[in-house]
Amino acid sequence: MITKELRIGNLIEVNPRENQVGLLSVQEIQKETIIGEMLSPKPGYHFRIKFDEIILIPLTEEWLKKAGFVQQNPGEVLWKNAKGLIDLHFELNGLKKFIYDGILIGKNIDTVNTLQNGYFFLTGEELSISP
């Protein structure tokens, strides 16, 4: 269920009634809805959406870069965060997994919110992402 995957601050997409995809930061999680703050295209706008309107953002190389991860060598699957604490093995059409201090911590890291949640779990800090 999507409610178990979301935390305050997670980034999600929505496709509101105007048929324009929007990027939101989760502000509040309620029983049947969330309240989100729009980051684009109308920054600062707050609104309530139902869970079935939420679109989880697929993790891509572009999103990894926005989150401060750097590919170690072009064409390789190893990415490191800016602090060098976390390794992420990222294959576009393959396995995506967290390695922390040489230990496999999580796998199937396939959405931006999963990346955010895993990072928080490992470091106790929120992952800063530039949308």
C-alpha atoms as a PDB file:
ATOM      1  CA  MET A   1       0.000   0.000   0.000  1.00  0.00           C
ATOM      2  CA  ILE A   2       1.327   3.419  -0.965  1.00  0.00           C
ATOM      3  CA  THR A   3       0.725   4.957   2.496  1.00  0.00           C
ATOM      4  CA  LYS A   4       3.388   2.698   3.995  1.00  0.00           C
ATOM      5  CA  GLU A   5       5.923   3.931   1.433  1.00  0.00           C
ATOM      6  CA  LEU A   6       5.442   7.650   2.041  1.00  0.00           C
ATOM      7  CA  ARG A   7       6.967   9.956   4.646  1.00  0.00           C
ATOM      8  CA  ILE A   8       6.667  13.675   5.189  1.00  0.00           C
ATOM      9  CA  GLY A   9       9.009  15.391   2.720  1.00  0.00           C
ATOM     10  CA  ASN A  10       8.875  12.638   0.075  1.00  0.00           C
ATOM     11  CA  LEU A  11       8.663  13.835  -3.506  1.00  0.00           C
ATOM     12  CA  ILE A  12       5.793  12.565  -5.633  1.00  0.00           C
ATOM     13  CA  GLU A  13       4.077  13.485  -8.862  1.00  0.00           C
ATOM     14  CA  VAL A  14       0.404  14.153  -9.424  1.00  0.00           C
ATOM     15  CA  ASN A  15      -1.681  14.686 -12.472  1.00  0.00           C
ATOM     16  CA  PRO A  16      -4.317  17.163 -11.264  1.00  0.00           C
ATOM     17  CA  ARG A  17      -7.513  18.019 -13.045  1.00  0.00           C
ATOM     18  CA  GLU A  18      -5.757  20.520 -15.307  1.00  0.00           C
ATOM     19  CA  ASN A  19      -3.885  17.558 -16.869  1.00  0.00           C
ATOM     20  CA  GLN A  20      -0.517  19.081 -16.004  1.00  0.00           C
ATOM     21  CA  VAL A  21       1.917  16.852 -14.120  1.00  0.00           C
ATOM     22  CA  GLY A  22       3.070  18.451 -10.891  1.00  0.00           C
ATOM     23  CA  LEU A  23       5.916  17.746  -8.487  1.00  0.00           C
ATOM     24  CA  LEU A  24       4.858  17.763  -4.827  1.00  0.00           C
ATOM     25  CA  SER A  25       6.489  17.449  -1.436  1.00  0.00           C
ATOM     26  CA  VAL A  26       4.340  15.477   1.025  1.00  0.00           C
ATOM     27  CA  GLN A  27       3.412  17.722   3.970  1.00  0.00           C
ATOM     28  CA  GLU A  28       0.811  15.669   5.816  1.00  0.00           C
ATOM     29  CA  ILE A  29      -0.458  12.089   5.542  1.00  0.00           C
ATOM     30  CA  GLN A  30      -4.050  11.488   6.558  1.00  0.00           C
ATOM     31  CA  LYS A  31      -6.314   8.456   6.536  1.00  0.00           C
ATOM     32  CA  GLU A  32      -7.407   8.687   2.885  1.00  0.00           C
ATOM     33  CA  THR A  33      -5.514  11.690   1.511  1.00  0.00           C
ATOM     34  CA  ILE A  34      -2.277  13.613   1.688  1.00  0.00           C
ATOM     35  CA  ILE A  35      -1.624  17.305   1.736  1.00  0.00           C
ATOM     36  CA  GLY A  36       1.227  18.302  -0.521  1.00  0.00           C
ATOM     37  CA  GLU A  37       3.112  21.455  -1.354  1.00  0.00           C
ATOM     38  CA  MET A  38       3.639  21.910  -5.056  1.00  0.00           C
ATOM     39  CA  LEU A  39       7.247  22.492  -6.121  1.00  0.00           C
ATOM     40  CA  SER A  40       6.412  22.816  -9.810  1.00  0.00           C
ATOM     41  CA  PRO A  41       4.718  24.104 -11.903  1.00  0.00           C
ATOM     42  CA  LYS A  42       3.040  26.316  -9.229  1.00  0.00           C
ATOM     43  CA  PRO A  43       5.497  26.530  -6.303  1.00  0.00           C
ATOM     44  CA  GLY A  44       3.962  27.010  -2.872  1.00  0.00           C
ATOM     45  CA  TYR A  45       0.455  25.870  -3.807  1.00  0.00           C
ATOM     46  CA  HIS A  46      -0.966  23.426  -1.205  1.00  0.00           C
ATOM     47  CA  PHE A  47      -3.691  20.939  -1.922  1.00  0.00           C
ATOM     48  CA  ARG A  48      -5.191  17.644  -0.843  1.00  0.00           C
ATOM     49  CA  ILE A  49      -5.051  14.573  -3.066  1.00  0.00           C
ATOM     50  CA  LYS A  50      -6.288  11.011  -2.770  1.00  0.00           C
ATOM     51  CA  PHE A  51      -3.812   8.137  -2.687  1.00  0.00           C
ATOM     52  CA  ASP A  52      -4.914   6.873  -6.085  1.00  0.00           C
ATOM     53  CA  GLU A  53      -3.890  10.221  -7.609  1.00  0.00           C
ATOM     54  CA  ILE A  54      -0.275   9.837  -6.442  1.00  0.00           C
ATOM     55  CA  ILE A  55       2.370   8.890  -8.984  1.00  0.00           C
ATOM     56  CA  LEU A  56       5.615   7.579  -7.508  1.00  0.00           C
ATOM     57  CA  ILE A  57       8.630   8.983  -9.379  1.00  0.00           C
ATOM     58  CA  PRO A  58      10.786   6.315 -11.035  1.00  0.00           C
ATOM     59  CA  LEU A  59      14.438   6.533 -10.002  1.00  0.00           C
ATOM     60  CA  THR A  60      16.609   7.555 -12.940  1.00  0.00           C
ATOM     61  CA  GLU A  61      20.168   8.792 -13.394  1.00  0.00           C
ATOM     62  CA  GLU A  62      18.766  12.327 -13.629  1.00  0.00           C
ATOM     63  CA  TRP A  63      17.107  12.002 -10.205  1.00  0.00           C
ATOM     64  CA  LEU A  64      20.275  10.506  -8.709  1.00  0.00           C
ATOM     65  CA  LYS A  65      22.203  13.572  -9.885  1.00  0.00           C
ATOM     66  CA  LYS A  66      19.525  15.889  -8.439  1.00  0.00           C
ATOM     67  CA  ALA A  67      19.989  14.050  -5.116  1.00  0.00           C
ATOM     68  CA  GLY A  68      23.741  14.666  -5.136  1.00  0.00           C
ATOM     69  CA  PHE A  69      24.888  11.186  -6.147  1.00  0.00           C
ATOM     70  CA  VAL A  70      27.854  10.987  -8.505  1.00  0.00           C
ATOM     71  CA  GLN A  71      28.654   8.157 -10.874  1.00  0.00           C
ATOM     72  CA  GLN A  72      32.143   6.890 -10.052  1.00  0.00           C
ATOM     73  CA  ASN A  73      33.156   6.211 -13.650  1.00  0.00           C
ATOM     74  CA  PRO A  74      31.111   6.771 -16.812  1.00  0.00           C
ATOM     75  CA  GLY A  75      29.185   3.656 -17.735  1.00  0.00           C
ATOM     76  CA  GLU A  76      29.640   1.986 -14.324  1.00  0.00           C
ATOM     77  CA  VAL A  77      26.813   1.084 -11.972  1.00  0.00           C
ATOM     78  CA  LEU A  78      28.421   2.477  -8.785  1.00  0.00           C
ATOM     79  CA  TRP A  79      27.162   5.864  -7.592  1.00  0.00           C
ATOM     80  CA  LYS A  80      28.260   7.567  -4.339  1.00  0.00           C
ATOM     81  CA  ASN A  81      26.565  10.285  -2.373  1.00  0.00           C
ATOM     82  CA  ALA A  82      28.371  13.593  -1.879  1.00  0.00           C
ATOM     83  CA  LYS A  83      29.562  12.643   1.623  1.00  0.00           C
ATOM     84  CA  GLY A  84      30.952   9.332   0.357  1.00  0.00           C
ATOM     85  CA  LEU A  85      29.026   7.370   2.987  1.00  0.00           C
ATOM     86  CA  ILE A  86      26.601   5.527   0.765  1.00  0.00           C
ATOM     87  CA  ASP A  87      27.151   3.470  -2.373  1.00  0.00           C
ATOM     88  CA  LEU A  88      24.243   2.882  -4.682  1.00  0.00           C
ATOM     89  CA  HIS A  89      24.486   0.232  -7.350  1.00  0.00           C
ATOM     90  CA  PHE A  90      22.192   1.557 -10.055  1.00  0.00           C
ATOM     91  CA  GLU A  91      21.469  -0.228 -13.308  1.00  0.00           C
ATOM     92  CA  LEU A  92      18.820   1.537 -15.363  1.00  0.00           C
ATOM     93  CA  ASN A  93      16.962  -1.666 -16.226  1.00  0.00           C
ATOM     94  CA  GLY A  94      18.364  -3.824 -13.471  1.00  0.00           C
ATOM     95  CA  LEU A  95      18.942  -4.088  -9.763  1.00  0.00           C
ATOM     96  CA  LYS A  96      19.211  -0.954  -7.669  1.00  0.00           C
ATOM     97  CA  LYS A  97      20.614  -1.486  -4.183  1.00  0.00           C
ATOM     98  CA  PHE A  98      22.089   0.412  -1.220  1.00  0.00           C
ATOM     99  CA  ILE A  99      25.485  -0.607   0.112  1.00  0.00           C
ATOM    100  CA  TYR A 100      26.545   0.995   3.400  1.00  0.00           C
ATOM    101  CA  ASP A 101      30.055   0.348   4.700  1.00  0.00           C
ATOM    102  CA  GLY A 102      30.269  -2.733   2.459  1.00  0.00           C
ATOM    103  CA  ILE A 103      26.998  -4.224   3.726  1.00  0.00           C
ATOM    104  CA  LEU A 104      23.900  -4.655   1.542  1.00  0.00           C
ATOM    105  CA  ILE A 105      21.189  -2.627   3.253  1.00  0.00           C
ATOM    106  CA  GLY A 106      18.349  -2.529   0.755  1.00  0.00           C
ATOM    107  CA  LYS A 107      17.487  -3.501  -2.756  1.00  0.00           C
ATOM    108  CA  ASN A 108      14.840  -2.627  -5.320  1.00  0.00           C
ATOM    109  CA  ILE A 109      15.428   1.080  -4.771  1.00  0.00           C
ATOM    110  CA  ASP A 110      13.340   2.012  -7.785  1.00  0.00           C
ATOM    111  CA  THR A 111      11.521   5.225  -6.840  1.00  0.00           C
ATOM    112  CA  VAL A 112      12.671   8.631  -5.590  1.00  0.00           C
ATOM    113  CA  ASN A 113      10.722   8.263  -2.327  1.00  0.00           C
ATOM    114  CA  THR A 114      12.392   4.880  -1.677  1.00  0.00           C
ATOM    115  CA  LEU A 115      15.776   6.554  -2.196  1.00  0.00           C
ATOM    116  CA  GLN A 116      14.777   9.330   0.226  1.00  0.00           C
ATOM    117  CA  ASN A 117      13.532   6.857   2.829  1.00  0.00           C
ATOM    118  CA  GLY A 118      16.606   4.613   2.544  1.00  0.00           C
ATOM    119  CA  TYR A 119      18.951   7.568   2.844  1.00  0.00           C
ATOM    120  CA  PHE A 120      17.117   8.773   5.960  1.00  0.00           C
ATOM    121  CA  PHE A 121      17.215   5.278   7.461  1.00  0.00           C
ATOM    122  CA  LEU A 122      20.976   5.018   6.906  1.00  0.00           C
ATOM    123  CA  THR A 123      22.048   8.528   7.887  1.00  0.00           C
ATOM    124  CA  GLY A 124      19.298   9.996  10.061  1.00  0.00           C
ATOM    125  CA  GLU A 125      19.326  12.995   7.725  1.00  0.00           C
ATOM    126  CA  GLU A 126      16.927  14.080   5.015  1.00  0.00           C
ATOM    127  CA  LEU A 127      18.203  13.736   1.463  1.00  0.00           C
ATOM    128  CA  SER A 128      18.354  17.107  -0.237  1.00  0.00           C
ATOM    129  CA  ILE A 129      17.040  16.963  -3.788  1.00  0.00           C
ATOM    130  CA  SER A 130      17.033  19.871  -6.225  1.00  0.00           C
ATOM    131  CA  PRO A 131      13.915  19.461  -8.373  1.00  0.00           C
END
